[in-house]
Protein backbone atom coordinates (compact mmCIF):
# COMPACT_ATOMS: atom_id res chain seq x y z
CA UNK A 1 127.52 -19.63 -102.13
CA UNK A 2 126.39 -16.06 -102.43
CA UNK A 3 128.39 -15.42 -105.61
CA UNK A 4 127.12 -18.60 -107.23
CA UNK A 5 123.53 -17.75 -106.31
CA UNK A 6 123.92 -14.22 -107.67
CA UNK A 7 125.37 -15.62 -110.91
CA UNK A 8 122.42 -17.96 -111.35
CA UNK A 9 119.91 -15.18 -110.67
CA UNK A 10 121.56 -12.70 -113.06
CA UNK A 11 122.87 -14.92 -115.86
CA UNK A 12 120.88 -18.14 -115.84
CA UNK A 13 117.44 -17.01 -114.69
CA UNK A 14 115.85 -18.00 -118.02
CA UNK A 15 117.16 -21.59 -117.70
CA UNK A 16 116.47 -22.02 -113.97
CA UNK A 17 113.12 -20.32 -113.50
CA UNK A 18 112.34 -22.11 -110.23
CA UNK A 19 115.63 -21.12 -108.59
CA UNK A 20 115.27 -18.93 -105.50
CA UNK A 21 118.22 -17.21 -103.90
CA UNK A 22 117.89 -18.17 -100.24
CA UNK A 23 121.45 -17.14 -99.35
CA UNK A 24 120.34 -13.53 -98.90
CA UNK A 25 117.88 -14.65 -96.23
CA UNK A 26 120.48 -16.33 -94.02
CA UNK A 27 121.44 -14.23 -91.02
CA UNK A 28 125.15 -13.47 -90.62
CA UNK A 29 126.83 -15.04 -87.58
CA UNK A 30 126.84 -12.99 -84.42
CA UNK A 31 130.10 -11.37 -83.39
CA UNK A 32 131.59 -13.03 -80.36
CA UNK A 33 133.77 -10.89 -78.08
CA UNK A 34 137.26 -12.23 -77.58
CA UNK A 35 139.62 -12.11 -74.64
CA UNK A 36 142.27 -9.46 -74.51
CA UNK A 37 145.77 -10.91 -74.85
CA UNK A 38 147.73 -11.34 -71.66
CA UNK A 39 151.32 -10.26 -72.11
CA UNK A 40 153.76 -10.92 -69.28
CA UNK A 41 156.66 -8.60 -68.54
CA UNK A 42 160.20 -9.97 -68.36
CA UNK A 43 160.13 -9.59 -64.57
CA UNK A 44 156.89 -11.57 -64.31
CA UNK A 45 158.33 -14.40 -66.41
CA UNK A 46 161.53 -14.41 -64.33
CA UNK A 47 159.51 -14.52 -61.09
CA UNK A 48 157.41 -17.37 -62.47
CA UNK A 49 160.53 -19.32 -63.45
CA UNK A 50 162.12 -18.78 -60.03
CA UNK A 51 158.92 -19.86 -58.27
CA UNK A 52 158.59 -23.00 -60.40
CA UNK A 53 162.20 -23.95 -59.79
CA UNK A 54 161.83 -23.38 -56.04
CA UNK A 55 158.81 -25.69 -56.10
CA UNK A 56 160.97 -28.28 -57.95
CA UNK A 57 158.70 -28.11 -61.01
CA UNK A 58 161.53 -28.29 -63.51
CA UNK A 59 159.45 -29.53 -66.44
CA UNK A 60 156.97 -26.65 -66.12
CA UNK A 61 159.83 -24.17 -65.76
CA UNK A 62 161.38 -25.48 -68.98
CA UNK A 63 158.05 -25.13 -70.72
CA UNK A 64 157.68 -21.51 -69.58
CA UNK A 65 161.27 -20.76 -70.60
CA UNK A 66 160.81 -22.20 -74.10
CA UNK A 67 157.51 -20.41 -74.68
CA UNK A 68 158.75 -17.06 -73.41
CA UNK A 69 162.07 -17.23 -75.27
CA UNK A 70 160.61 -18.41 -78.58
CA UNK A 71 157.40 -16.39 -78.65
CA UNK A 72 155.36 -19.50 -79.38
CA UNK A 73 151.63 -19.56 -78.91
CA UNK A 74 150.09 -22.43 -76.95
CA UNK A 75 148.61 -23.85 -80.17
CA UNK A 76 152.12 -23.94 -81.65
CA UNK A 77 153.67 -25.38 -78.49
CA UNK A 78 151.46 -28.48 -78.51
CA UNK A 79 152.72 -29.28 -82.02
CA UNK A 80 156.40 -29.39 -80.99
CA UNK A 81 157.92 -32.83 -81.43
CA UNK A 82 160.57 -34.33 -79.15
CA UNK A 83 162.62 -35.19 -82.24
CA UNK A 84 163.13 -31.45 -82.84
CA UNK A 85 165.17 -31.14 -79.64
CA UNK A 86 168.93 -31.50 -79.83
CA UNK A 87 170.06 -33.35 -76.70
CA UNK A 88 173.76 -32.50 -77.15
């Protein structure tokens, strides 16, 4: 938008006399602080897996194992399809 508005002001001002560049008056978005990444050590992942297995939460343990071994982000994990898994 800004580039187009600047083009109109500089190159087409004689044709579009009533044009006003309002883009320069729009405030930029405020910066939002983000969370620091949480990175687990190998020992922490192993302890989590052991704890989940002791609690008989096999599905959650598999999920943790896949994520930690593949390096997937959560947003990538939710896109995994069952058809991608080889059951052999």
